[in-house]
Amino acid sequence: MPTKLYSSIFPSIIFLSLVFLFLYSTFLPLYTNNHSSSSPAKKFLTSPSSYCNIFNGNWVLGSTKPRPFYDETCPFHRNAWNCIKNKRDNMGIINSWKWVPKDCSLERIDPKGFLSLMRNRNIGFVGDSLNENFLVSFLCILRVADVSAKKWKKKGAWRGAYFPKYNVTVAYHRAVLLARYKWKPKQSAVSDQDGLKGIYRVDVDIPADEWINVRDFYDVLVFNTGHWWGYDKFPKETPLVFYQQGQPISPPLGLSDGLQVVLENMVHYIQKEVPKNTLKFWRLQSPRHFYGGEWNENGSCLSDRPLEEHQRI
């Protein structure tokens, strides 16, 4: 198997995607309900309810499986990743797991209620396939409340949907490193002994073109990066080389240090350039969960239960 990079920046495990649906449902009601040109500034209000840390809890195997929100016919599915259509094993038990916070109740998401809260607003996801896969499930769930939803790929979006009944757009912009990076082939063939084919130039202080121009369009932005920061993606023959203010960083940075510098710069950019009223989330890295090889090397996802805390595979 390829060598994997586990950065200390990320915890070894985060909650599965649906937790973020509930997180949205928890915070978005705190926004004002009106979103019009006459009132462009959206205010974030303090909740009168007691504080609840939904991240402090456990996965519990339910005795009854809830009715699925959607089936294999959802038009937003990615065919190769359509677990329902492709008859993934153990789907029944996998869908029976429920996240239960320690000190509060977490209800199942209400697609109609969520879209009503988000009426006339837009949600954007920026990052790698972790965000993309979540988006697909998210769109299929929301479509329950608006079957007239249409595919949407404007403004450079990789994929997305528009829900006309609520005037809500939800889309994903593919930017696997968040920062801009570009392939530069090797200029000279005089010596090939080092095996270098070229480099990927990473401008740590410049956001990727795929999202730099949409920061004002979305009312909610969800960022992530992580799985591309490994030597399986960028081996020594085609490494990442980091630039800042147009110049190579010296001494050169390794992947772990490069990731840290990119994160610091992207966070600074988001804080400075993304509107203050935009609700921002940062998703962390999920654990790798393939057995017998990576996702593109005939690896399989055999587990039907969540990883235990600090567990690695």
Protein backbone atom coordinates (compact mmCIF):
# COMPACT_ATOMS: atom_id res chain seq x y z
CA MET A 1 0.00 0.00 0.00
CA PRO A 2 1.25 3.57 -0.62
CA THR A 3 2.77 5.42 2.26
CA LYS A 4 0.24 7.54 4.10
CA LEU A 5 0.79 10.88 5.78
CA TYR A 6 -0.93 11.31 9.11
CA SER A 7 -0.60 14.93 10.19
CA SER A 8 -0.80 15.85 13.82
CA ILE A 9 -2.95 18.76 12.75
CA PHE A 10 -5.92 16.48 12.25
CA PRO A 11 -7.52 14.17 14.82
CA SER A 12 -7.68 10.54 13.82
CA ILE A 13 -11.42 10.50 13.47
CA ILE A 14 -14.33 12.84 12.92
CA PHE A 15 -18.01 12.30 12.85
CA LEU A 16 -19.71 11.07 9.71
CA SER A 17 -21.26 13.48 7.29
CA LEU A 18 -24.81 13.58 8.57
CA VAL A 19 -23.70 15.18 11.82
CA PHE A 20 -23.08 18.33 9.80
CA LEU A 21 -26.68 18.35 8.66
CA PHE A 22 -27.71 18.54 12.26
CA LEU A 23 -25.07 21.15 12.95
CA TYR A 24 -26.57 23.33 10.23
CA SER A 25 -30.04 22.77 11.61
CA THR A 26 -28.82 23.80 15.05
CA PHE A 27 -27.19 27.08 14.04
CA LEU A 28 -29.10 28.34 11.03
CA PRO A 29 -32.32 29.11 12.93
CA LEU A 30 -30.28 31.76 14.72
CA TYR A 31 -30.08 33.77 11.55
CA THR A 32 -32.74 36.31 10.77
CA ASN A 33 -35.48 34.93 8.55
CA ASN A 34 -35.47 37.75 6.05
CA HIS A 35 -32.87 37.83 3.32
CA SER A 36 -33.56 40.59 0.83
CA SER A 37 -31.80 43.41 -0.94
CA SER A 38 -33.37 45.88 1.50
CA SER A 39 -31.67 44.10 4.40
CA PRO A 40 -28.32 42.83 3.13
CA ALA A 41 -26.69 42.43 6.53
CA LYS A 42 -27.66 39.14 8.14
CA LYS A 43 -27.27 39.11 11.92
CA PHE A 44 -26.24 36.15 13.98
CA LEU A 45 -28.32 36.08 17.15
CA THR A 46 -27.40 34.58 20.47
CA SER A 47 -29.44 31.50 21.26
CA PRO A 48 -31.53 31.74 24.43
CA SER A 49 -31.31 27.97 24.87
CA SER A 50 -28.66 26.24 26.94
CA TYR A 51 -25.43 25.27 25.23
CA CYS A 52 -25.24 21.77 23.77
CA ASN A 53 -22.03 20.18 22.54
CA ILE A 54 -23.33 17.76 19.93
CA PHE A 55 -19.79 16.49 19.33
CA ASN A 56 -19.60 14.93 22.80
CA GLY A 57 -21.35 11.59 22.48
CA ASN A 58 -21.28 8.08 21.08
CA TRP A 59 -22.46 6.03 18.14
CA VAL A 60 -25.38 3.81 19.17
CA LEU A 61 -26.74 0.90 17.16
CA GLY A 62 -30.48 1.42 16.92
CA SER A 63 -32.94 -1.43 17.29
CA THR A 64 -35.00 -0.15 14.37
CA LYS A 65 -33.71 1.14 11.05
CA PRO A 66 -35.18 4.52 10.05
CA ARG A 67 -36.85 4.78 6.70
CA PRO A 68 -34.31 6.05 4.12
CA PHE A 69 -34.76 9.59 2.84
CA TYR A 70 -34.02 8.52 -0.74
CA ASP A 71 -33.25 5.52 -2.95
CA GLU A 72 -30.94 4.72 -5.86
CA THR A 73 -32.99 6.86 -8.27
CA CYS A 74 -31.81 10.16 -6.81
CA PRO A 75 -30.47 12.12 -9.82
CA PHE A 76 -27.59 13.63 -7.83
CA HIS A 77 -25.92 10.27 -7.16
CA ARG A 78 -22.46 9.55 -8.52
CA ASN A 79 -22.95 6.16 -10.18
CA ALA A 80 -19.70 4.54 -9.06
CA TRP A 81 -20.34 5.74 -5.50
CA ASN A 82 -24.03 4.84 -5.38
CA CYS A 83 -23.91 2.33 -2.52
CA ILE A 84 -27.64 1.63 -2.75
CA LYS A 85 -27.66 0.96 -6.49
CA ASN A 86 -24.45 -1.06 -6.31
CA LYS A 87 -25.81 -3.24 -3.50
CA ARG A 88 -23.14 -2.49 -0.94
CA ASP A 89 -23.04 -5.18 1.74
CA ASN A 90 -24.37 -4.49 5.24
CA MET A 91 -26.20 -1.31 4.29
CA GLY A 92 -28.93 -2.22 6.74
CA ILE A 93 -26.70 -2.29 9.79
CA ILE A 94 -24.64 0.68 8.60
CA ASN A 95 -27.76 2.84 8.38
CA SER A 96 -28.86 1.70 11.83
CA TRP A 97 -26.05 3.54 13.62
CA LYS A 98 -27.08 6.82 15.22
CA TRP A 99 -24.99 9.54 16.81
CA VAL A 100 -26.29 10.30 20.31
CA PRO A 101 -24.89 13.39 22.11
CA LYS A 102 -24.19 12.92 25.80
CA ASP A 103 -26.24 15.77 27.25
CA CYS A 104 -28.86 16.68 24.67
CA SER A 105 -31.23 15.30 22.07
CA LEU A 106 -30.37 15.28 18.38
CA GLU A 107 -33.39 14.86 16.16
CA ARG A 108 -33.31 13.57 12.62
CA ILE A 109 -32.94 16.26 10.02
CA ASP A 110 -36.12 17.73 8.55
CA PRO A 111 -35.39 18.54 4.86
CA LYS A 112 -38.44 20.78 4.53
CA GLY A 113 -37.65 22.63 7.73
CA PHE A 114 -34.01 23.05 6.74
CA LEU A 115 -34.78 24.47 3.30
CA SER A 116 -37.37 26.77 4.86
CA LEU A 117 -34.68 28.16 7.17
CA MET A 118 -32.33 28.56 4.22
CA ARG A 119 -34.87 30.18 1.89
CA ASN A 120 -33.22 32.66 -0.50
CA ARG A 121 -29.75 31.62 0.64
CA ASN A 122 -26.90 29.56 -0.81
CA ILE A 123 -24.60 26.90 0.66
CA GLY A 124 -21.16 26.19 -0.74
CA PHE A 125 -18.71 23.35 -0.13
CA VAL A 126 -15.03 23.79 -0.98
CA GLY A 127 -12.40 21.05 -0.78
CA ASP A 128 -11.80 17.46 -1.76
CA SER A 129 -13.99 14.37 -2.27
CA LEU A 130 -14.90 14.22 1.41
CA ASN A 131 -16.99 17.34 0.87
CA GLU A 132 -18.18 16.11 -2.52
CA ASN A 133 -19.46 12.80 -1.21
CA PHE A 134 -21.24 14.55 1.64
CA LEU A 135 -22.79 16.99 -0.81
CA VAL A 136 -24.29 14.17 -2.90
CA SER A 137 -26.03 12.67 0.11
CA PHE A 138 -27.06 16.13 1.29
CA LEU A 139 -28.67 16.98 -2.07
CA CYS A 140 -30.59 13.70 -2.16
CA ILE A 141 -31.94 14.33 1.35
CA LEU A 142 -32.98 17.91 0.55
CA ARG A 143 -34.68 16.81 -2.66
CA VAL A 144 -37.31 15.10 -0.51
CA ALA A 145 -38.66 18.60 0.19
CA ASP A 146 -38.43 19.81 -3.42
CA VAL A 147 -38.58 17.16 -6.14
CA SER A 148 -38.27 19.91 -8.77
CA ALA A 149 -34.62 20.43 -7.78
CA LYS A 150 -32.30 20.79 -10.77
CA LYS A 151 -28.61 20.14 -11.28
CA TRP A 152 -26.56 23.30 -10.95
CA LYS A 153 -22.97 23.81 -12.16
CA LYS A 154 -22.60 27.56 -12.50
CA LYS A 155 -19.90 29.83 -11.06
CA GLY A 156 -17.28 27.12 -11.49
CA ALA A 157 -19.06 24.57 -9.34
CA TRP A 158 -18.04 20.94 -9.82
CA ARG A 159 -21.59 19.81 -9.01
CA GLY A 160 -24.62 21.13 -7.18
CA ALA A 161 -28.37 21.67 -7.20
CA TYR A 162 -30.90 24.48 -7.24
CA PHE A 163 -34.12 24.11 -5.24
CA PRO A 164 -36.61 26.48 -6.95
CA LYS A 165 -39.36 26.02 -4.37
CA TYR A 166 -37.13 27.68 -1.78
CA ASN A 167 -34.70 29.60 -4.03
CA VAL A 168 -31.75 27.77 -2.45
CA THR A 169 -28.54 26.72 -4.20
CA VAL A 170 -26.22 24.06 -2.74
CA ALA A 171 -22.98 23.38 -4.63
CA TYR A 172 -19.46 21.95 -4.40
CA HIS A 173 -16.26 23.56 -5.70
CA ARG A 174 -13.40 21.13 -6.15
CA ALA A 175 -10.21 22.54 -4.62
CA VAL A 176 -8.37 19.60 -3.12
CA LEU A 177 -5.51 21.66 -1.61
CA LEU A 178 -7.63 24.83 -1.13
CA ALA A 179 -4.62 26.84 -2.35
CA ARG A 180 -3.85 27.26 -6.04
CA TYR A 181 -1.57 24.63 -7.56
CA LYS A 182 -0.37 24.02 -11.09
CA TRP A 183 1.63 21.34 -12.88
CA LYS A 184 5.04 22.39 -14.23
CA PRO A 185 6.80 19.73 -16.33
CA LYS A 186 10.53 19.23 -16.05
CA GLN A 187 12.29 21.81 -18.21
CA SER A 188 15.47 19.89 -19.00
CA ALA A 189 15.99 16.26 -20.04
CA VAL A 190 19.76 16.45 -19.61
CA SER A 191 19.68 14.31 -16.49
CA ASP A 192 16.86 11.94 -15.64
CA GLN A 193 18.71 10.14 -12.90
CA ASP A 194 16.67 11.79 -10.15
CA GLY A 195 13.46 10.45 -11.70
CA LEU A 196 11.80 13.86 -11.44
CA LYS A 197 9.07 14.35 -14.04
CA GLY A 198 8.06 17.81 -12.94
CA ILE A 199 6.57 19.63 -9.97
CA TYR A 200 3.25 20.93 -8.75
CA ARG A 201 3.70 24.57 -7.82
CA VAL A 202 1.57 25.48 -4.80
CA ASP A 203 1.01 29.17 -4.07
CA VAL A 204 0.29 28.94 -0.36
CA ASP A 205 -1.15 32.47 -0.16
CA ILE A 206 -3.49 32.29 -3.17
CA PRO A 207 -6.84 30.43 -3.05
CA ALA A 208 -7.60 27.99 -5.85
CA ASP A 209 -9.28 29.49 -8.90
CA GLU A 210 -12.25 27.18 -8.33
CA TRP A 211 -13.49 29.17 -5.33
CA ILE A 212 -11.70 32.51 -5.17
CA ASN A 213 -14.52 34.27 -7.04
CA VAL A 214 -17.51 32.79 -5.20
CA ARG A 215 -16.80 33.96 -1.66
CA ASP A 216 -19.59 36.58 -1.89
CA PHE A 217 -22.18 34.25 -3.40
CA TYR A 218 -22.65 31.83 -0.50
CA ASP A 219 -24.26 32.48 2.87
CA VAL A 220 -22.74 29.29 4.28
CA LEU A 221 -19.30 27.92 3.34
CA VAL A 222 -17.91 24.53 4.37
CA PHE A 223 -14.18 23.99 3.83
CA ASN A 224 -12.05 20.86 4.02
CA THR A 225 -8.74 19.43 2.88
CA GLY A 226 -6.61 16.50 3.97
CA HIS A 227 -6.66 13.34 1.88
CA TRP A 228 -4.57 14.77 -0.93
CA TRP A 229 -1.73 15.65 1.41
CA GLY A 230 0.08 12.33 1.07
CA TYR A 231 2.91 10.79 -0.90
CA ASP A 232 0.42 8.51 -2.62
CA LYS A 233 -0.99 11.60 -4.36
CA PHE A 234 2.27 13.47 -4.82
CA PRO A 235 5.23 11.04 -4.92
CA LYS A 236 8.85 12.13 -5.20
CA GLU A 237 8.68 12.03 -9.00
CA THR A 238 5.95 14.71 -9.02
CA PRO A 239 6.25 16.57 -5.69
CA LEU A 240 4.59 19.68 -4.35
CA VAL A 241 6.85 22.73 -4.30
CA PHE A 242 5.60 25.62 -2.20
CA TYR A 243 5.70 29.30 -3.20
CA GLN A 244 4.84 32.42 -1.22
CA GLN A 245 4.50 35.91 -2.68
CA GLY A 246 5.56 34.42 -6.01
CA GLN A 247 8.85 33.00 -4.78
CA PRO A 248 9.87 29.46 -3.77
CA ILE A 249 9.89 28.99 -0.02
CA SER A 250 13.40 28.30 1.23
CA PRO A 251 14.32 25.92 2.63
CA PRO A 252 11.78 23.74 0.79
CA LEU A 253 8.85 22.46 2.84
CA GLY A 254 7.81 18.85 3.22
CA LEU A 255 4.15 17.83 2.95
CA SER A 256 3.33 18.21 6.62
CA ASP A 257 4.88 21.66 6.95
CA GLY A 258 3.42 22.68 3.59
CA LEU A 259 -0.04 21.70 4.74
CA GLN A 260 0.33 23.78 7.90
CA VAL A 261 1.47 26.85 5.95
CA VAL A 262 -1.40 26.49 3.46
CA LEU A 263 -3.94 26.16 6.28
CA GLU A 264 -2.59 29.24 8.03
CA ASN A 265 -2.77 31.27 4.82
CA MET A 266 -6.21 30.04 3.81
CA VAL A 267 -7.64 30.74 7.25
CA HIS A 268 -6.16 34.25 7.09
CA TYR A 269 -7.68 34.77 3.65
CA ILE A 270 -11.10 33.51 4.74
CA GLN A 271 -11.11 35.75 7.79
CA LYS A 272 -10.09 38.78 5.74
CA GLU A 273 -11.93 38.33 2.43
CA VAL A 274 -15.03 36.24 3.08
CA PRO A 275 -17.92 38.39 4.32
CA LYS A 276 -18.22 38.45 8.11
CA ASN A 277 -21.90 37.47 7.97
CA THR A 278 -21.11 34.27 6.08
CA LEU A 279 -21.49 31.23 8.31
CA LYS A 280 -18.25 29.25 8.01
CA PHE A 281 -17.47 25.63 8.90
CA TRP A 282 -14.23 23.70 8.76
CA ARG A 283 -14.46 19.94 8.30
CA LEU A 284 -11.55 17.81 9.41
CA GLN A 285 -10.06 14.69 7.88
CA SER A 286 -11.86 11.36 8.05
CA PRO A 287 -9.92 8.16 8.83
CA ARG A 288 -8.83 5.99 5.93
CA HIS A 289 -10.91 2.86 5.97
CA PHE A 290 -9.83 0.64 3.08
CA TYR A 291 -8.73 -2.95 3.53
CA GLY A 292 -6.47 -4.76 1.07
CA GLY A 293 -5.41 -1.67 -0.85
CA GLU A 294 -6.37 1.93 -1.49
CA TRP A 295 -9.63 3.04 -3.14
CA ASN A 296 -8.00 2.75 -6.60
CA GLU A 297 -6.15 -0.49 -5.83
CA ASN A 298 -9.08 -2.86 -5.25
CA GLY A 299 -9.38 -1.85 -1.61
CA SER A 300 -12.66 -2.62 0.13
CA CYS A 301 -14.67 -1.00 2.92
CA LEU A 302 -15.49 -4.03 5.02
CA SER A 303 -16.36 -2.40 8.32
CA ASP A 304 -19.98 -2.07 9.38
CA ARG A 305 -19.34 -0.17 12.60
CA PRO A 306 -17.69 3.15 13.54
CA LEU A 307 -14.06 3.17 14.60
CA GLU A 308 -13.40 3.34 18.30
CA GLU A 309 -11.63 6.37 19.69
CA HIS A 310 -7.90 6.29 18.84
CA GLN A 311 -8.43 3.18 16.68
CA ARG A 312 -6.45 2.89 13.46
CA ILE A 313 -6.68 0.39 10.64
